[in-house]
């Protein structure tokens, strides 16, 4: 309780740009004292945290969480060197031997590069440095730190070596694509996705979800035409003699929904080019394929200078989509996605905002770790003109998904609400 109290007190001071540097530093000193007491009194016994999650002891896991908070607080208090010293303790939680050793090292380095602590790449213990040249993900993580420090040429060279390092290791390629995606390293992730989805070693059941994830990453960074091309190739492709659309059904994907999504990406590309006529045509085609494509409905609802007739039509489609989502909620009350989709559609168009906010909170009860769901709740608060709660939720969403370009842009949008 003492630690949380001081952490909240520090956050309130440090997150407010109007507070002076001395105030932040004093609050950080108080926080450090609370952390010291917490670590001295840490009450956890030695035990496995869970065979399917991590084999680290509960005490070590708690210490790691506190160390990460402590290091980031030091950066916020304008003590970067102190932050590095604190963050170096994280390497002590990584076993020197073990299968997950390289992954844990990479995770610390990726996190540090996004937390203002990129210099930690120069303080990795020798026992862990050996993974730099034999594990592509760890080398990518070091490259990320160099990139954060402005050493772009070195970062690019390291990323190139990381790419070559796993040229014959499909499992490492998949892992690299997914983790680089998570940290928003778009160019490196894009290159890995290209290689993975073309691999003859993977089944269509693996390639289809990866292609969808790849397309969404490209869309997130406004590379919409590329995103559209990825989905179009997947929709029209085959694996051996079996068409992908047949396998999609078995995986629970709707051909109509994905085709509409592909058309939506095309419309975003047209919008970026300033071609409103083509954008409108693409939105119409998307809704023709799948009238419940939520982002298409939102884009159509906000289309500039839309006629009264077209506005009435899209509102009717929105209401129909909400009714179908409500039916899914009634049929599957423990499924998180329908609650989130209902809330997202209302928050960005019109409808029962109070219900949407309740549904958004319910989705987080069912899947508390989703950055996307937090983004939705932030939009619900923003629609209700509650900028403080919108910003709070969006900050947490960004911490959970630090590489999301959309979440970053939305946070900036909500911050302007305070002005």
Protein backbone atom coordinates (compact mmCIF):
# COMPACT_ATOMS: atom_id res chain seq x y z
CA UNK A 1 0.00 0.00 0.00
CA UNK A 2 2.87 2.37 0.82
CA UNK A 3 4.53 1.65 -2.52
CA UNK A 4 1.34 2.19 -4.51
CA UNK A 5 0.63 5.42 -2.63
CA UNK A 6 4.05 6.85 -3.50
CA UNK A 7 3.85 5.57 -7.08
CA UNK A 8 0.50 7.32 -7.59
CA UNK A 9 1.86 10.49 -6.01
CA UNK A 10 4.91 10.44 -8.28
CA UNK A 11 2.85 9.71 -11.40
CA UNK A 12 0.52 12.63 -10.74
CA UNK A 13 3.47 14.97 -10.48
CA UNK A 14 5.58 13.53 -13.29
CA UNK A 15 2.72 13.22 -15.79
CA UNK A 16 1.80 16.89 -15.39
CA UNK A 17 4.01 19.00 -17.69
CA UNK A 18 3.25 22.11 -15.63
CA UNK A 19 5.10 20.75 -12.57
CA UNK A 20 8.70 21.82 -12.06
CA UNK A 21 11.71 19.52 -12.29
CA UNK A 22 12.51 19.88 -8.56
CA UNK A 23 9.03 18.67 -7.63
CA UNK A 24 9.46 15.55 -9.76
CA UNK A 25 12.87 14.84 -8.27
CA UNK A 26 11.60 15.20 -4.70
CA UNK A 27 8.70 12.85 -5.46
CA UNK A 28 11.14 10.38 -7.01
CA UNK A 29 13.28 10.42 -3.86
CA UNK A 30 10.22 9.56 -1.79
CA UNK A 31 9.30 6.80 -4.25
CA UNK A 32 12.79 5.30 -4.00
CA UNK A 33 12.49 5.08 -0.22
CA UNK A 34 9.16 3.28 -0.55
CA UNK A 35 10.63 0.86 -3.13
CA UNK A 36 13.55 0.09 -0.84
CA UNK A 37 11.20 -0.79 2.01
CA UNK A 38 9.01 -2.87 -0.30
CA UNK A 39 11.94 -4.95 -1.55
CA UNK A 40 13.20 -5.48 2.00
CA UNK A 41 9.82 -6.74 3.14
CA UNK A 42 8.88 -8.67 -0.01
CA UNK A 43 6.68 -11.42 1.49
CA UNK A 44 6.62 -13.97 -1.31
CA UNK A 45 7.88 -17.48 -0.73
CA UNK A 46 9.86 -19.36 -3.35
CA UNK A 47 7.47 -21.16 -5.67
CA UNK A 48 6.85 -21.69 -9.37
CA UNK A 49 4.51 -19.09 -10.82
CA UNK A 50 2.98 -21.52 -13.30
CA UNK A 51 4.20 -24.17 -15.67
CA UNK A 52 2.45 -22.61 -18.67
CA UNK A 53 3.55 -19.03 -18.08
CA UNK A 54 6.94 -18.68 -16.42
CA UNK A 55 9.11 -20.71 -14.09
CA UNK A 56 10.47 -17.66 -12.34
CA UNK A 57 9.69 -17.42 -8.68
CA UNK A 58 6.87 -15.12 -7.61
CA UNK A 59 9.30 -12.97 -5.65
CA UNK A 60 11.52 -12.48 -8.69
CA UNK A 61 8.52 -11.60 -10.84
CA UNK A 62 7.36 -8.97 -8.34
CA UNK A 63 10.87 -7.55 -8.12
CA UNK A 64 11.12 -7.33 -11.90
CA UNK A 65 7.87 -5.38 -12.14
CA UNK A 66 9.05 -2.97 -9.45
CA UNK A 67 12.45 -2.55 -11.10
CA UNK A 68 10.84 -1.65 -14.42
CA UNK A 69 8.58 0.92 -12.73
CA UNK A 70 11.54 2.28 -10.77
CA UNK A 71 13.71 2.68 -13.89
CA UNK A 72 10.99 4.43 -15.89
CA UNK A 73 10.28 6.72 -12.96
CA UNK A 74 13.95 7.69 -12.90
CA UNK A 75 13.74 8.70 -16.56
CA UNK A 76 10.60 10.76 -15.89
CA UNK A 77 12.36 12.46 -12.97
CA UNK A 78 15.21 13.38 -15.34
CA UNK A 79 17.71 10.93 -13.84
CA UNK A 80 18.57 8.88 -16.97
CA UNK A 81 21.86 7.50 -15.60
CA UNK A 82 20.09 6.38 -12.45
CA UNK A 83 17.47 4.72 -14.64
CA UNK A 84 20.17 2.73 -16.46
CA UNK A 85 21.71 1.58 -13.17
CA UNK A 86 18.32 0.43 -11.95
CA UNK A 87 17.38 -1.29 -15.21
CA UNK A 88 20.63 -3.28 -15.22
CA UNK A 89 19.19 -5.28 -12.33
CA UNK A 90 16.78 -6.87 -14.81
CA UNK A 91 19.61 -8.94 -16.25
CA UNK A 92 19.97 -10.57 -12.85
CA UNK A 93 16.52 -12.09 -13.28
CA UNK A 94 17.53 -13.85 -16.48
CA UNK A 95 18.92 -17.33 -16.03
CA UNK A 96 22.36 -17.73 -17.60
CA UNK A 97 21.28 -21.03 -19.07
CA UNK A 98 17.94 -22.07 -20.39
CA UNK A 99 15.84 -22.10 -23.50
CA UNK A 100 14.11 -18.77 -22.79
CA UNK A 101 17.35 -16.93 -22.04
CA UNK A 102 17.65 -15.13 -25.44
CA UNK A 103 13.96 -14.18 -25.42
CA UNK A 104 14.22 -12.64 -21.96
CA UNK A 105 17.34 -10.68 -22.93
CA UNK A 106 15.66 -9.39 -26.08
CA UNK A 107 12.55 -8.41 -24.12
CA UNK A 108 14.58 -6.29 -21.70
CA UNK A 109 16.41 -4.56 -24.55
CA UNK A 110 13.27 -3.85 -26.59
CA UNK A 111 11.57 -2.48 -23.47
CA UNK A 112 14.59 -0.33 -22.63
CA UNK A 113 14.77 1.15 -26.13
CA UNK A 114 11.16 2.31 -25.79
CA UNK A 115 11.61 3.61 -22.24
CA UNK A 116 14.42 6.12 -22.70
CA UNK A 117 16.97 3.57 -21.47
CA UNK A 118 18.54 2.47 -24.75
CA UNK A 119 22.09 2.88 -23.39
CA UNK A 120 21.52 -0.30 -21.42
CA UNK A 121 22.64 -2.20 -24.54
CA UNK A 122 26.19 -1.24 -23.51
CA UNK A 123 25.73 -2.82 -20.07
CA UNK A 124 24.62 -6.34 -20.95
CA UNK A 125 26.60 -8.94 -18.94
CA UNK A 126 29.15 -10.94 -20.92
CA UNK A 127 27.28 -14.15 -20.17
CA UNK A 128 24.30 -12.80 -22.13
CA UNK A 129 26.20 -11.04 -24.91
CA UNK A 130 26.86 -14.35 -26.67
CA UNK A 131 23.21 -14.33 -27.76
CA UNK A 132 23.84 -11.19 -29.83
CA UNK A 133 25.40 -13.13 -32.68
CA UNK A 134 23.56 -16.44 -32.56
CA UNK A 135 19.96 -15.32 -31.91
CA UNK A 136 18.32 -13.03 -34.45
CA UNK A 137 15.75 -11.60 -32.03
CA UNK A 138 18.39 -10.47 -29.53
CA UNK A 139 20.41 -8.84 -32.30
CA UNK A 140 17.27 -7.06 -33.49
CA UNK A 141 16.75 -5.83 -29.93
CA UNK A 142 20.27 -4.39 -29.77
CA UNK A 143 19.62 -2.76 -33.16
CA UNK A 144 16.46 -1.23 -31.70
CA UNK A 145 18.52 0.34 -28.90
CA UNK A 146 21.03 1.73 -31.40
CA UNK A 147 18.18 3.14 -33.48
CA UNK A 148 16.69 4.80 -30.39
CA UNK A 149 20.08 6.39 -29.74
CA UNK A 150 20.13 7.83 -33.27
CA UNK A 151 22.73 5.40 -34.62
CA UNK A 152 20.67 4.58 -37.70
CA UNK A 153 23.50 3.25 -39.88
CA UNK A 154 24.67 0.82 -37.19
CA UNK A 155 21.07 -0.17 -36.41
CA UNK A 156 20.38 -0.93 -40.08
CA UNK A 157 23.57 -2.99 -40.35
CA UNK A 158 22.67 -4.97 -37.22
CA UNK A 159 19.12 -5.57 -38.42
CA UNK A 160 20.53 -6.86 -41.70
CA UNK A 161 22.74 -9.32 -39.83
CA UNK A 162 19.78 -10.40 -37.72
CA UNK A 163 17.76 -11.05 -40.87
CA UNK A 164 20.56 -13.16 -42.36
CA UNK A 165 21.12 -15.02 -39.10
CA UNK A 166 17.76 -16.80 -39.28
CA UNK A 167 17.73 -17.41 -43.04
CA UNK A 168 17.07 -21.13 -42.54
CA UNK A 169 15.16 -20.96 -39.24
CA UNK A 170 11.46 -20.45 -39.89
CA UNK A 171 10.55 -20.52 -36.19
CA UNK A 172 12.94 -17.62 -35.50
CA UNK A 173 11.56 -15.74 -38.51
CA UNK A 174 8.00 -16.06 -37.19
CA UNK A 175 9.01 -14.96 -33.72
CA UNK A 176 10.96 -12.00 -35.09
CA UNK A 177 8.05 -10.86 -37.26
CA UNK A 178 5.61 -10.96 -34.34
CA UNK A 179 7.90 -9.29 -31.79
CA UNK A 180 9.11 -6.59 -34.21
CA UNK A 181 5.45 -5.96 -35.02
CA UNK A 182 4.69 -5.55 -31.30
CA UNK A 183 7.42 -2.95 -30.87
CA UNK A 184 6.41 -1.02 -33.99
CA UNK A 185 9.61 -1.67 -35.93
CA UNK A 186 7.67 -1.60 -39.16
CA UNK A 187 10.39 -1.96 -41.80
CA UNK A 188 12.13 -4.86 -40.07
CA UNK A 189 8.84 -6.59 -39.27
CA UNK A 190 7.60 -6.12 -42.84
CA UNK A 191 10.71 -7.80 -44.21
CA UNK A 192 10.31 -10.76 -41.83
CA UNK A 193 6.60 -11.15 -42.64
CA UNK A 194 7.38 -11.20 -46.37
CA UNK A 195 9.82 -14.04 -45.85
CA UNK A 196 7.62 -16.02 -43.45
CA UNK A 197 4.43 -16.05 -45.52
CA UNK A 198 6.43 -17.20 -48.56
CA UNK A 199 8.00 -20.10 -46.65
CA UNK A 200 7.18 -23.56 -48.04
CA UNK A 201 7.70 -24.95 -44.53
CA UNK A 202 4.53 -23.35 -43.16
CA UNK A 203 0.99 -24.59 -43.60
CA UNK A 204 -1.87 -22.43 -44.84
CA UNK A 205 -3.28 -22.60 -41.30
CA UNK A 206 -0.16 -20.72 -40.17
CA UNK A 207 0.25 -18.41 -43.15
CA UNK A 208 -3.32 -17.05 -43.17
CA UNK A 209 -3.31 -15.60 -39.60
CA UNK A 210 0.21 -14.23 -40.15
CA UNK A 211 -0.89 -12.55 -43.39
CA UNK A 212 -3.83 -10.90 -41.62
CA UNK A 213 -1.57 -9.70 -38.81
CA UNK A 214 0.94 -8.38 -41.35
CA UNK A 215 -1.77 -6.49 -43.25
CA UNK A 216 -3.05 -4.90 -40.04
CA UNK A 217 0.47 -3.76 -39.16
CA UNK A 218 0.87 -2.08 -42.56
CA UNK A 219 -2.53 -0.43 -42.17
CA UNK A 220 -1.57 0.78 -38.69
CA UNK A 221 1.35 2.67 -40.24
CA UNK A 222 -0.81 4.07 -43.08
CA UNK A 223 0.79 1.81 -45.69
CA UNK A 224 -2.72 1.01 -46.81
CA UNK A 225 -2.12 -0.03 -50.41
CA UNK A 226 0.50 -2.53 -49.25
CA UNK A 227 -1.93 -3.82 -46.60
CA UNK A 228 -4.59 -4.25 -49.27
CA UNK A 229 -2.18 -6.15 -51.51
CA UNK A 230 -1.29 -8.58 -48.70
CA UNK A 231 -4.95 -9.41 -48.04
CA UNK A 232 -5.78 -9.62 -51.74
CA UNK A 233 -2.97 -12.10 -52.34
CA UNK A 234 -4.09 -14.18 -49.38
CA UNK A 235 -7.74 -14.16 -50.48
CA UNK A 236 -6.87 -15.22 -54.03
CA UNK A 237 -4.06 -17.60 -53.13
CA UNK A 238 -3.86 -21.30 -52.48
CA UNK A 239 -1.72 -23.82 -50.66
CA UNK A 240 -1.03 -26.69 -52.97
CA UNK A 241 -4.32 -27.51 -54.67
CA UNK A 242 -6.46 -26.13 -51.84
CA UNK A 243 -7.70 -22.53 -52.10
CA UNK A 244 -7.07 -20.33 -49.07
CA UNK A 245 -10.73 -19.33 -48.81
CA UNK A 246 -11.64 -22.95 -48.02
CA UNK A 247 -9.08 -23.06 -45.23
CA UNK A 248 -10.25 -19.67 -43.90
CA UNK A 249 -13.64 -21.14 -43.15
CA UNK A 250 -12.09 -23.88 -41.01
CA UNK A 251 -10.10 -21.23 -39.12
CA UNK A 252 -13.20 -19.15 -38.41
CA UNK A 253 -12.45 -16.35 -40.86
CA UNK A 254 -15.16 -14.90 -43.09
CA UNK A 255 -14.21 -14.43 -46.75
CA UNK A 256 -16.77 -11.62 -47.04
CA UNK A 257 -15.47 -9.81 -43.96
CA UNK A 258 -11.84 -10.06 -45.09
CA UNK A 259 -12.72 -8.93 -48.61
CA UNK A 260 -14.50 -5.91 -47.14
CA UNK A 261 -11.48 -5.24 -44.96
CA UNK A 262 -9.27 -5.33 -48.04
CA UNK A 263 -11.57 -2.82 -49.78
CA UNK A 264 -11.45 -0.62 -46.68
CA UNK A 265 -7.65 -0.57 -46.87
CA UNK A 266 -7.92 0.49 -50.53
CA UNK A 267 -10.27 3.31 -49.49
CA UNK A 268 -7.77 4.54 -46.93
CA UNK A 269 -5.10 4.63 -49.62
CA UNK A 270 -7.41 6.74 -51.80
CA UNK A 271 -8.05 9.06 -48.87
CA UNK A 272 -4.31 9.48 -48.39
CA UNK A 273 -4.00 10.40 -52.06
CA UNK A 274 -6.78 12.97 -51.70
CA UNK A 275 -9.00 11.04 -54.12
CA UNK A 276 -12.39 11.34 -52.42
CA UNK A 277 -14.36 9.92 -55.34
CA UNK A 278 -12.35 6.72 -55.37
CA UNK A 279 -12.48 6.53 -51.57
CA UNK A 280 -16.26 6.73 -51.67
CA UNK A 281 -16.41 4.03 -54.37
CA UNK A 282 -14.17 1.72 -52.33
CA UNK A 283 -16.25 2.24 -49.19
CA UNK A 284 -19.38 1.35 -51.16
CA UNK A 285 -17.71 -1.81 -52.43
CA UNK A 286 -16.62 -2.78 -48.92
CA UNK A 287 -20.15 -2.42 -47.56
CA UNK A 288 -21.52 -4.36 -50.51
CA UNK A 289 -19.24 -7.25 -49.57
CA UNK A 290 -19.96 -7.08 -45.83
CA UNK A 291 -22.37 -4.43 -44.49
CA UNK A 292 -21.11 -4.90 -40.91
CA UNK A 293 -17.46 -3.97 -41.54
CA UNK A 294 -17.14 -1.65 -38.56
CA UNK A 295 -14.30 0.63 -39.63
CA UNK A 296 -15.94 1.06 -43.03
CA UNK A 297 -19.20 2.11 -41.37
CA UNK A 298 -17.28 4.61 -39.24
CA UNK A 299 -15.43 6.01 -42.26
CA UNK A 300 -18.67 6.34 -44.22
CA UNK A 301 -20.43 8.01 -41.28
CA UNK A 302 -17.72 10.69 -41.15
CA UNK A 303 -17.34 11.09 -44.91
CA UNK A 304 -17.28 14.84 -45.70
CA UNK A 305 -20.35 16.45 -47.26
CA UNK A 306 -22.32 13.23 -47.23
CA UNK A 307 -25.90 13.67 -48.46
CA UNK A 308 -28.90 13.29 -46.16
CA UNK A 309 -29.96 10.16 -48.06
CA UNK A 310 -26.55 8.53 -47.70
CA UNK A 311 -26.33 9.56 -44.05
CA UNK A 312 -29.70 7.91 -43.41
CA UNK A 313 -28.52 4.77 -45.21
CA UNK A 314 -25.32 4.44 -43.21
CA UNK A 315 -27.13 5.11 -39.92
CA UNK A 316 -29.55 2.31 -40.81
CA UNK A 317 -26.59 -0.01 -41.48
CA UNK A 318 -25.01 1.00 -38.17
CA UNK A 319 -28.21 0.18 -36.29
CA UNK A 320 -28.43 -3.20 -38.04
CA UNK A 321 -24.81 -3.95 -37.16
CA UNK A 322 -25.45 -3.03 -33.53
CA UNK A 323 -28.49 -5.31 -33.40
CA UNK A 324 -26.42 -8.21 -34.72
CA UNK A 325 -23.67 -7.48 -32.21
CA UNK A 326 -26.26 -7.44 -29.43
CA UNK A 327 -27.49 -10.84 -30.60
CA UNK A 328 -23.94 -12.18 -30.42
CA UNK A 329 -23.57 -10.75 -26.92
CA UNK A 330 -26.81 -12.39 -25.82
CA UNK A 331 -25.73 -15.72 -27.32
CA UNK A 332 -22.12 -15.57 -26.09
CA UNK A 333 -22.08 -13.43 -22.91
CA UNK A 334 -18.51 -14.48 -22.06
CA UNK A 335 -17.00 -13.59 -25.45
CA UNK A 336 -15.07 -10.32 -25.28
CA UNK A 337 -14.98 -9.29 -28.95
CA UNK A 338 -18.70 -8.52 -29.50
CA UNK A 339 -18.73 -6.19 -26.47
CA UNK A 340 -15.66 -4.38 -27.79
CA UNK A 341 -16.99 -4.11 -31.35
CA UNK A 342 -20.32 -2.73 -30.12
CA UNK A 343 -18.54 -0.13 -27.99
CA UNK A 344 -16.12 0.83 -30.78
CA UNK A 345 -18.89 1.38 -33.30
CA UNK A 346 -21.02 3.51 -30.95
CA UNK A 347 -18.07 5.53 -29.61
CA UNK A 348 -17.09 6.49 -33.16
CA UNK A 349 -20.58 7.09 -34.57
CA UNK A 350 -23.79 7.30 -32.55
CA UNK A 351 -25.94 5.23 -30.23
CA UNK A 352 -26.31 4.41 -26.54
CA UNK A 353 -22.98 5.67 -25.20
CA UNK A 354 -23.67 4.58 -21.62
CA UNK A 355 -24.29 1.02 -22.79
CA UNK A 356 -21.23 1.16 -25.03
CA UNK A 357 -19.07 2.21 -22.07
CA UNK A 358 -20.47 -0.63 -19.94
CA UNK A 359 -19.78 -3.08 -22.75
CA UNK A 360 -16.25 -1.78 -23.19
CA UNK A 361 -15.55 -2.29 -19.49
CA UNK A 362 -17.07 -5.77 -19.71
CA UNK A 363 -14.73 -6.66 -22.59
CA UNK A 364 -11.79 -5.69 -20.39
CA UNK A 365 -13.11 -7.83 -17.56
CA UNK A 366 -13.04 -10.76 -19.98
CA UNK A 367 -9.69 -9.82 -21.56
CA UNK A 368 -7.97 -7.35 -19.25
CA UNK A 369 -4.66 -7.32 -21.12
CA UNK A 370 -5.91 -6.00 -24.47
CA UNK A 371 -4.50 -2.68 -25.66
CA UNK A 372 -7.15 -2.58 -28.39
CA UNK A 373 -9.95 -2.86 -25.82
CA UNK A 374 -8.39 -0.08 -23.73
CA UNK A 375 -8.26 2.06 -26.86
CA UNK A 376 -12.00 1.46 -27.26
CA UNK A 377 -12.73 2.48 -23.67
CA UNK A 378 -10.67 5.64 -24.20
CA UNK A 379 -12.84 6.46 -27.22
CA UNK A 380 -15.98 5.94 -25.14
CA UNK A 381 -14.71 8.46 -22.60
CA UNK A 382 -13.65 10.85 -25.36
CA UNK A 383 -17.12 10.65 -26.92
CA UNK A 384 -18.48 11.60 -23.50
CA UNK A 385 -15.99 14.53 -23.42
CA UNK A 386 -14.15 13.02 -20.44
CA UNK A 387 -10.63 13.83 -21.61
CA UNK A 388 -8.93 12.86 -18.33
CA UNK A 389 -10.22 9.28 -18.42
CA UNK A 390 -9.66 9.02 -22.18
CA UNK A 391 -6.01 10.00 -21.73
CA UNK A 392 -5.55 7.68 -18.74
CA UNK A 393 -6.87 4.66 -20.65
CA UNK A 394 -4.90 5.52 -23.76
CA UNK A 395 -1.63 5.85 -21.83
CA UNK A 396 -2.15 2.36 -20.41
CA UNK A 397 -3.07 1.05 -23.88
CA UNK A 398 0.19 2.43 -25.26
CA UNK A 399 2.18 0.77 -22.48
CA UNK A 400 0.61 -2.56 -23.43
CA UNK A 401 1.15 -2.07 -27.16
CA UNK A 402 4.09 0.35 -27.45
CA UNK A 403 4.49 -0.15 -31.18
CA UNK A 404 0.94 0.78 -32.18
CA UNK A 405 1.03 3.86 -34.39
CA UNK A 406 -2.77 4.22 -34.18
CA UNK A 407 -2.79 4.19 -30.38
CA UNK A 408 -0.03 6.82 -30.35
CA UNK A 409 -1.98 9.06 -32.74
CA UNK A 410 -5.16 8.63 -30.71
CA UNK A 411 -3.32 9.60 -27.53
CA UNK A 412 -2.17 12.82 -29.18
CA UNK A 413 -5.75 13.47 -30.29
CA UNK A 414 -7.04 13.04 -26.74
CA UNK A 415 -4.29 15.25 -25.32
CA UNK A 416 -5.49 18.11 -27.54
CA UNK A 417 -8.91 17.82 -25.88
CA UNK A 418 -7.39 19.37 -22.75
CA UNK A 419 -6.28 22.50 -24.60
